[in-house]
Amino acid sequence: MIATGRTRFTLPVALAAVATLGLVAQTPPTQYPKQLQLPNPYRLVENWPTLPPSMNGGHWGELIRADIDPKGNIWVFHRCFNTVPAGAATCVGRTEPPILEFNPSGKLLSSFGGGMFAFPHGFTVDGQGNVWASDANANETVLGMSAKDANGVVRGHQVFKMSPAGKVLMTLGKEGVKGNGPDTFDQPSGIAVAPNGDFFVTDGHGKNDRVLKFSKDGRLIKTWGHHGAGPGEFDQPHDISIGGSQGRVFIADRSNSRVQIFDQDGNFIAAWKQFGRPSAVFIGKDDTLYVSDSQSNSTVNPGYLRGITIGSAKDGSLTAFIPDPDLAQADVSRISGASGIVADAQGTIYAADVGPHRLRKYVKVK
């Protein structure tokens, strides 16, 4: 555990202030094409990756996140090959490792974390190859089984930093203790690490609806946000990503059906609803924004479709759409598609699927 906070302007002044923030060039258009009006220049790579038969007979369960390390290897955080409870599958009662590393050809390189997590959720790999993961469990028992660890303490409400070999380097939060203080979480949902080592946690699957910013050594720098629908407020901040040419913070504010954008000090910049109801968000170095919607249907966020919407992190314009593989079941399934998404420098997309139970790899069609 590591613990450690109406002005009037003339038009020229107002425009100068906005320009200083870099918002003039980032004002999105007022109208956007429908998702199915967008092109889909991506091809699904079949039979990727290769799971050894010794792991659940080679069959996936629920996946929650994916990321790429500095060497180009793909890391996956999954729920121990389990599929129940649907949409919130548990690692309780299972010994399989929830963290897997694959090379670009799909060969399994390493795995670890067995018995460490109850409800895998947030996940990222930093610039030094360290692996960060959160346990968003809040239940003492799951499916009639105890969620306690080997020491008799209920797992959950924690964030871990691990070496590429799985050694725990840092632990934040108090195991099994729900809270909203500087050293407690309520089901932490996402993690992002800035190039300078500062890291951010979305405390978003419980009641806190906030973002916490820490220094690289785990000292709390600040928090922002609370429950609500206004600028800088959240309703289930589900995922977080830092990137692009301006190093901004993009948050999947899922139950508000929008992506919120901040600078790294927590200052609100914009809120975009044209990307659907985001479960996952990722920004490439080239300012491409990838957003996965795994919940929209005819009654939840109507007018939007489940799938991956791709656009610009600078102005919010839309460029492509990949339909969810289970799109036809959207009105009968609570959740499907990717709750984790990442792309490499060539634009190859990796989508970690909760519902379809697989890791999808998409390459651009030339």
Protein backbone atom coordinates (compact mmCIF):
# COMPACT_ATOMS: atom_id res chain seq x y z
CA MET A 1 0.00 0.00 0.00
CA ILE A 2 1.34 3.43 -0.91
CA ALA A 3 -0.47 6.56 0.24
CA THR A 4 0.61 9.92 0.13
CA GLY A 5 -6.31 17.73 -3.39
CA ARG A 6 -18.78 34.56 -14.68
CA THR A 7 -15.79 36.31 -15.96
CA ARG A 8 -16.29 38.47 -19.05
CA PHE A 9 -13.71 38.77 -21.77
CA THR A 10 -13.57 40.91 -24.85
CA LEU A 11 -13.70 38.86 -28.04
CA PRO A 12 -9.97 39.19 -28.85
CA VAL A 13 -8.98 38.19 -25.34
CA ALA A 14 -11.37 35.22 -25.36
CA LEU A 15 -10.06 34.00 -28.70
CA ALA A 16 -6.49 34.36 -27.52
CA ALA A 17 -7.25 32.32 -24.42
CA VAL A 18 -8.86 29.58 -26.44
CA ALA A 19 -6.00 29.53 -28.90
CA THR A 20 -3.56 29.23 -26.03
CA LEU A 21 -5.33 26.06 -24.93
CA GLY A 22 -5.11 24.71 -28.45
CA LEU A 23 -8.88 24.38 -28.77
CA VAL A 24 -9.49 26.41 -31.93
CA ALA A 25 -8.03 23.71 -34.15
CA GLN A 26 -9.73 21.07 -32.06
CA THR A 27 -13.31 22.25 -32.33
CA PRO A 28 -15.09 19.22 -33.78
CA PRO A 29 -17.67 19.50 -36.54
CA THR A 30 -21.31 19.66 -35.51
CA GLN A 31 -22.39 16.80 -37.76
CA TYR A 32 -20.86 13.36 -38.07
CA PRO A 33 -21.51 10.49 -40.48
CA LYS A 34 -23.37 7.48 -39.17
CA GLN A 35 -21.07 4.64 -38.26
CA LEU A 36 -22.19 2.40 -41.14
CA GLN A 37 -21.53 5.30 -43.52
CA LEU A 38 -17.86 5.10 -42.59
CA PRO A 39 -15.48 2.80 -44.45
CA ASN A 40 -14.05 -0.35 -42.86
CA PRO A 41 -10.52 -0.65 -44.27
CA TYR A 42 -9.55 -3.47 -41.91
CA ARG A 43 -9.24 -7.23 -42.32
CA LEU A 44 -9.61 -9.67 -39.43
CA VAL A 45 -6.63 -12.00 -39.04
CA GLU A 46 -8.13 -15.43 -38.43
CA ASN A 47 -6.73 -17.97 -35.95
CA TRP A 48 -4.59 -15.44 -34.12
CA PRO A 49 -3.04 -15.81 -31.59
CA THR A 50 -2.16 -19.41 -30.76
CA LEU A 51 -3.24 -20.60 -27.33
CA PRO A 52 -1.60 -23.86 -26.27
CA PRO A 53 -4.03 -26.76 -25.68
CA SER A 54 -2.80 -26.92 -22.08
CA MET A 55 -4.59 -23.61 -21.47
CA ASN A 56 -8.31 -24.34 -21.34
CA GLY A 57 -8.03 -26.55 -24.40
CA GLY A 58 -6.89 -23.54 -26.39
CA HIS A 59 -10.19 -21.70 -25.90
CA TRP A 60 -10.49 -18.14 -24.58
CA GLY A 61 -12.88 -16.94 -21.90
CA GLU A 62 -13.54 -13.27 -21.25
CA LEU A 63 -10.75 -10.84 -22.12
CA ILE A 64 -10.66 -7.35 -20.65
CA ARG A 65 -7.54 -5.53 -21.89
CA ALA A 66 -4.62 -5.68 -24.32
CA ASP A 67 -1.49 -3.58 -24.76
CA ILE A 68 1.81 -3.55 -26.66
CA ASP A 69 5.22 -3.35 -24.98
CA PRO A 70 8.27 -1.44 -26.27
CA LYS A 71 9.53 -4.59 -28.03
CA GLY A 72 6.29 -4.94 -30.00
CA ASN A 73 4.95 -7.91 -28.06
CA ILE A 74 1.23 -8.04 -27.27
CA TRP A 75 0.09 -8.45 -23.68
CA VAL A 76 -3.39 -9.62 -22.69
CA PHE A 77 -5.27 -9.38 -19.40
CA HIS A 78 -8.07 -11.93 -19.28
CA ARG A 79 -10.37 -13.52 -16.73
CA CYS A 80 -8.70 -16.89 -16.31
CA PHE A 81 -10.55 -18.45 -19.26
CA ASN A 82 -13.83 -18.07 -17.38
CA THR A 83 -17.10 -16.90 -18.97
CA VAL A 84 -19.35 -16.47 -15.91
CA PRO A 85 -20.85 -14.30 -14.61
CA ALA A 86 -21.27 -13.04 -18.18
CA GLY A 87 -19.63 -9.65 -18.58
CA ALA A 88 -17.95 -9.97 -15.18
CA ALA A 89 -16.29 -13.37 -15.30
CA THR A 90 -14.19 -14.18 -12.27
CA CYS A 91 -10.79 -15.66 -11.57
CA VAL A 92 -12.03 -16.83 -8.17
CA GLY A 93 -11.63 -20.57 -7.92
CA ARG A 94 -9.30 -20.74 -10.91
CA THR A 95 -5.52 -21.02 -11.07
CA GLU A 96 -4.86 -20.06 -14.71
CA PRO A 97 -2.56 -17.06 -15.27
CA PRO A 98 -4.55 -13.97 -16.31
CA ILE A 99 -1.58 -12.14 -17.86
CA LEU A 100 -0.24 -13.49 -21.16
CA GLU A 101 2.47 -12.23 -23.51
CA PHE A 102 2.48 -13.01 -27.25
CA ASN A 103 4.91 -12.10 -30.00
CA PRO A 104 3.51 -10.46 -33.17
CA SER A 105 3.15 -13.85 -34.88
CA GLY A 106 0.84 -14.98 -32.07
CA LYS A 107 3.16 -17.31 -30.17
CA LEU A 108 2.73 -17.36 -26.40
CA LEU A 109 5.94 -16.17 -24.74
CA SER A 110 5.13 -15.91 -21.04
CA SER A 111 2.32 -15.91 -18.50
CA PHE A 112 1.89 -15.08 -14.82
CA GLY A 113 -0.50 -13.79 -12.15
CA GLY A 114 -2.32 -17.02 -11.28
CA GLY A 115 -4.22 -16.75 -7.98
CA MET A 116 -3.47 -13.02 -7.71
CA PHE A 117 -6.70 -11.48 -9.04
CA ALA A 118 -10.40 -11.97 -8.45
CA PHE A 119 -11.81 -9.61 -11.11
CA PRO A 120 -9.17 -8.52 -13.67
CA HIS A 121 -9.91 -5.09 -15.10
CA GLY A 122 -7.47 -2.22 -15.71
CA PHE A 123 -4.25 -2.98 -17.57
CA THR A 124 -1.39 -1.30 -19.39
CA VAL A 125 2.30 -1.73 -20.22
CA ASP A 126 4.55 1.28 -19.66
CA GLY A 127 7.52 2.56 -21.66
CA GLN A 128 9.94 0.40 -19.69
CA GLY A 129 7.92 -2.77 -20.26
CA ASN A 130 6.47 -2.92 -16.76
CA VAL A 131 2.98 -4.39 -16.51
CA TRP A 132 0.22 -2.59 -14.57
CA ALA A 133 -3.05 -4.30 -13.64
CA SER A 134 -6.02 -3.68 -11.37
CA ASP A 135 -8.36 -5.96 -9.48
CA ALA A 136 -11.87 -4.47 -9.47
CA ASN A 137 -13.43 -7.14 -7.28
CA ALA A 138 -15.84 -5.93 -4.58
CA ASN A 139 -17.39 -9.23 -3.48
CA GLU A 140 -16.44 -11.49 -0.59
CA THR A 141 -17.89 -14.47 -2.45
CA VAL A 142 -18.35 -15.06 -6.17
CA LEU A 143 -20.43 -17.94 -7.53
CA GLY A 144 -20.54 -19.30 -4.01
CA MET A 145 -16.75 -19.30 -3.69
CA SER A 146 -14.67 -17.22 -1.32
CA ALA A 147 -12.69 -14.39 -2.95
CA LYS A 148 -10.07 -14.48 -0.18
CA ASP A 149 -6.41 -14.95 -0.99
CA ALA A 150 -3.99 -17.37 0.65
CA ASN A 151 -3.75 -15.03 3.65
CA GLY A 152 -7.50 -14.96 4.18
CA VAL A 153 -7.97 -11.41 2.85
CA VAL A 154 -10.58 -10.62 0.20
CA ARG A 155 -8.89 -9.72 -3.08
CA GLY A 156 -9.83 -6.50 -4.84
CA HIS A 157 -9.69 -2.67 -4.88
CA GLN A 158 -6.00 -2.65 -5.81
CA VAL A 159 -3.55 -1.65 -8.54
CA PHE A 160 -0.28 -3.51 -9.11
CA LYS A 161 2.90 -2.62 -10.97
CA MET A 162 4.87 -5.69 -12.06
CA SER A 163 8.08 -6.32 -13.91
CA PRO A 164 7.89 -8.03 -17.33
CA ALA A 165 8.66 -11.26 -15.46
CA GLY A 166 5.76 -10.80 -13.04
CA LYS A 167 7.58 -9.52 -9.94
CA VAL A 168 5.38 -7.11 -7.98
CA LEU A 169 7.15 -3.74 -7.84
CA MET A 170 4.39 -1.56 -6.37
CA THR A 171 0.97 -2.05 -4.81
CA LEU A 172 -1.63 0.67 -4.37
CA GLY A 173 -4.87 0.43 -2.45
CA LYS A 174 -5.78 -1.70 0.54
CA GLU A 175 -6.68 -5.26 -0.31
CA GLY A 176 -10.41 -5.82 0.03
CA VAL A 177 -10.99 -2.30 1.43
CA LYS A 178 -13.35 0.01 -0.46
CA GLY A 179 -12.77 3.74 0.00
CA ASN A 180 -12.31 7.12 -1.63
CA GLY A 181 -9.23 8.34 0.17
CA PRO A 182 -5.69 8.87 -1.14
CA ASP A 183 -4.78 5.22 -0.57
CA THR A 184 -8.06 3.43 -1.27
CA PHE A 185 -10.09 2.67 -4.39
CA ASP A 186 -13.59 1.49 -5.20
CA GLN A 187 -13.13 -1.01 -8.02
CA PRO A 188 -10.36 0.69 -10.05
CA SER A 189 -11.12 0.29 -13.73
CA GLY A 190 -8.28 1.67 -15.87
CA ILE A 191 -4.59 2.63 -15.74
CA ALA A 192 -2.42 4.82 -17.97
CA VAL A 193 1.25 5.78 -17.59
CA ALA A 194 2.71 9.02 -18.93
CA PRO A 195 6.18 9.13 -20.53
CA ASN A 196 7.63 10.80 -17.41
CA GLY A 197 6.39 7.93 -15.22
CA ASP A 198 3.39 9.67 -13.68
CA PHE A 199 0.42 7.33 -13.78
CA PHE A 200 -3.33 7.74 -13.73
CA VAL A 201 -6.06 5.46 -12.39
CA THR A 202 -9.75 5.67 -13.20
CA ASP A 203 -11.61 4.73 -10.04
CA GLY A 204 -14.68 3.89 -12.01
CA HIS A 205 -16.49 0.62 -11.40
CA GLY A 206 -17.76 1.60 -7.97
CA LYS A 207 -19.18 4.87 -6.64
CA ASN A 208 -16.12 7.13 -6.69
CA ASP A 209 -16.24 8.19 -10.37
CA ARG A 210 -12.90 9.96 -10.21
CA VAL A 211 -9.37 10.02 -11.63
CA LEU A 212 -6.24 9.82 -9.48
CA LYS A 213 -2.84 11.03 -10.64
CA PHE A 214 0.29 9.61 -8.99
CA SER A 215 4.00 10.31 -9.34
CA LYS A 216 6.18 7.49 -10.63
CA ASP A 217 7.00 6.47 -7.05
CA GLY A 218 3.33 6.15 -6.09
CA ARG A 219 2.81 9.52 -4.38
CA LEU A 220 -0.67 10.90 -4.93
CA ILE A 221 -0.47 14.19 -6.85
CA LYS A 222 -4.14 14.99 -7.29
CA THR A 223 -7.62 13.67 -7.94
CA TRP A 224 -10.41 15.09 -10.05
CA GLY A 225 -14.00 14.27 -10.91
CA HIS A 226 -17.07 12.96 -9.14
CA HIS A 227 -20.40 11.44 -10.15
CA GLY A 228 -22.33 13.52 -12.67
CA ALA A 229 -22.80 14.37 -16.33
CA GLY A 230 -21.19 17.80 -16.53
CA PRO A 231 -17.73 18.65 -17.84
CA GLY A 232 -15.13 16.85 -15.76
CA GLU A 233 -17.75 14.68 -14.04
CA PHE A 234 -18.05 10.95 -14.64
CA ASP A 235 -20.47 8.06 -14.68
CA GLN A 236 -18.33 4.91 -14.79
CA PRO A 237 -14.99 6.07 -16.21
CA HIS A 238 -14.12 2.67 -17.66
CA ASP A 239 -10.80 3.12 -19.43
CA ILE A 240 -8.04 5.71 -19.82
CA SER A 241 -5.30 6.39 -22.34
CA ILE A 242 -2.55 9.01 -22.62
CA GLY A 243 -1.02 9.75 -25.98
CA GLY A 244 -0.98 11.63 -29.22
CA SER A 245 1.18 14.59 -30.13
CA GLN A 246 -0.19 16.62 -27.22
CA GLY A 247 0.02 13.97 -24.52
CA ARG A 248 -3.57 14.42 -23.45
CA VAL A 249 -5.67 12.20 -21.22
CA PHE A 250 -8.62 10.46 -22.89
CA ILE A 251 -11.20 8.79 -20.67
CA ALA A 252 -13.98 6.40 -21.68
CA ASP A 253 -16.81 7.95 -19.64
CA ARG A 254 -18.99 4.97 -20.45
CA SER A 255 -22.34 5.53 -18.77
CA ASN A 256 -22.32 9.14 -19.97
CA SER A 257 -21.76 7.81 -23.52
CA ARG A 258 -18.83 10.08 -24.24
CA VAL A 259 -15.07 10.38 -24.39
CA GLN A 260 -13.74 13.12 -22.12
CA ILE A 261 -10.41 14.81 -22.80
CA PHE A 262 -8.15 16.50 -20.25
CA ASP A 263 -4.62 17.76 -19.96
CA GLN A 264 -2.39 15.90 -17.54
CA ASP A 265 -3.27 18.37 -14.75
CA GLY A 266 -6.93 17.38 -15.01
CA ASN A 267 -8.10 20.50 -16.83
CA PHE A 268 -11.15 19.74 -18.96
CA ILE A 269 -10.71 20.20 -22.71
CA ALA A 270 -13.63 18.54 -24.49
CA ALA A 271 -16.32 15.83 -24.38
CA TRP A 272 -17.11 13.87 -27.55
CA LYS A 273 -20.22 11.74 -27.98
CA GLN A 274 -19.69 10.83 -31.65
CA PHE A 275 -17.62 7.76 -30.71
CA GLY A 276 -20.56 5.98 -29.08
CA ARG A 277 -20.67 4.50 -25.58
CA PRO A 278 -16.99 3.82 -24.92
CA SER A 279 -15.74 0.81 -23.02
CA ALA A 280 -12.16 1.21 -24.29
CA VAL A 281 -10.08 4.06 -25.66
CA PHE A 282 -6.58 4.28 -27.16
CA ILE A 283 -4.62 7.11 -28.79
CA GLY A 284 -1.84 6.37 -31.24
CA LYS A 285 1.30 8.46 -31.62
CA ASP A 286 -0.10 9.71 -34.92
CA ASP A 287 -3.18 11.13 -33.11
CA THR A 288 -5.48 8.36 -34.29
CA LEU A 289 -8.20 7.73 -31.72
CA TYR A 290 -9.62 4.21 -31.36
CA VAL A 291 -12.81 3.77 -29.31
CA SER A 292 -14.65 0.51 -28.67
CA ASP A 293 -18.37 0.47 -27.86
CA SER A 294 -19.57 -2.79 -26.29
CA GLN A 295 -22.93 -1.69 -24.87
CA SER A 296 -24.97 0.44 -27.30
CA ASN A 297 -28.16 -1.04 -28.70
CA SER A 298 -31.70 0.07 -29.56
CA THR A 299 -32.44 1.08 -25.96
CA VAL A 300 -28.98 1.85 -24.53
CA ASN A 301 -27.47 4.88 -26.28
CA PRO A 302 -29.80 4.43 -29.28
CA GLY A 303 -28.54 5.64 -32.63
CA TYR A 304 -25.08 4.13 -32.12
CA LEU A 305 -23.75 0.65 -32.91
CA ARG A 306 -21.39 -1.61 -31.05
CA GLY A 307 -17.98 -1.76 -32.64
CA ILE A 308 -14.70 0.12 -33.00
CA THR A 309 -14.97 3.72 -34.16
CA ILE A 310 -11.77 5.33 -35.43
CA GLY A 311 -11.07 9.01 -35.84
CA SER A 312 -8.85 11.94 -34.96
CA ALA A 313 -7.72 12.71 -31.41
CA LYS A 314 -7.11 16.30 -32.50
CA ASP A 315 -10.50 17.33 -33.86
CA GLY A 316 -12.87 14.39 -33.23
CA SER A 317 -13.53 13.69 -36.90
CA LEU A 318 -14.47 10.11 -37.80
CA THR A 319 -12.64 8.01 -40.39
CA ALA A 320 -13.58 4.32 -40.03
CA PHE A 321 -15.84 1.84 -38.26
CA ILE A 322 -15.40 -1.89 -37.55
CA PRO A 323 -18.74 -3.48 -36.57
CA ASP A 324 -18.85 -5.64 -33.47
CA PRO A 325 -18.66 -9.36 -34.33
CA ASP A 326 -21.79 -9.96 -32.23
CA LEU A 327 -23.68 -6.92 -33.54
CA ALA A 328 -26.78 -8.96 -34.40
CA GLN A 329 -27.08 -9.93 -30.71
CA ALA A 330 -26.78 -6.39 -29.35
CA ASP A 331 -30.38 -6.22 -28.14
CA VAL A 332 -30.21 -9.51 -26.25
CA SER A 333 -26.68 -9.45 -24.82
CA ARG A 334 -25.74 -7.03 -22.05
CA ILE A 335 -22.21 -6.58 -23.27
CA SER A 336 -20.10 -7.79 -26.18
CA GLY A 337 -17.11 -6.69 -28.17
CA ALA A 338 -13.92 -5.13 -26.94
CA SER A 339 -13.36 -3.74 -23.45
CA GLY A 340 -9.71 -3.31 -24.32
CA ILE A 341 -8.12 -1.92 -27.45
CA VAL A 342 -4.64 -1.02 -28.67
CA ALA A 343 -2.97 -0.35 -32.02
CA ASP A 344 0.65 -0.46 -33.17
CA ALA A 345 2.52 2.10 -35.27
CA GLN A 346 1.30 0.45 -38.50
CA GLY A 347 -2.32 0.76 -37.42
CA THR A 348 -2.77 -2.93 -36.63
CA ILE A 349 -5.55 -3.16 -34.02
CA TYR A 350 -5.82 -5.65 -31.17
CA ALA A 351 -9.23 -5.89 -29.48
CA ALA A 352 -9.77 -7.82 -26.24
CA ASP A 353 -13.32 -9.16 -26.33
CA VAL A 354 -15.50 -9.68 -23.27
CA GLY A 355 -18.47 -11.16 -25.11
CA PRO A 356 -17.12 -12.98 -28.18
CA HIS A 357 -14.35 -14.48 -26.03
CA ARG A 358 -11.35 -13.89 -28.26
CA LEU A 359 -8.48 -11.55 -29.04
CA ARG A 360 -9.11 -9.96 -32.42
CA LYS A 361 -6.31 -8.71 -34.65
CA TYR A 362 -7.10 -6.35 -37.53
CA VAL A 363 -4.69 -5.22 -40.23
CA LYS A 364 -5.26 -2.39 -42.67
CA VAL A 365 -6.23 -3.43 -46.18
CA LYS A 366 -3.84 -1.85 -48.66
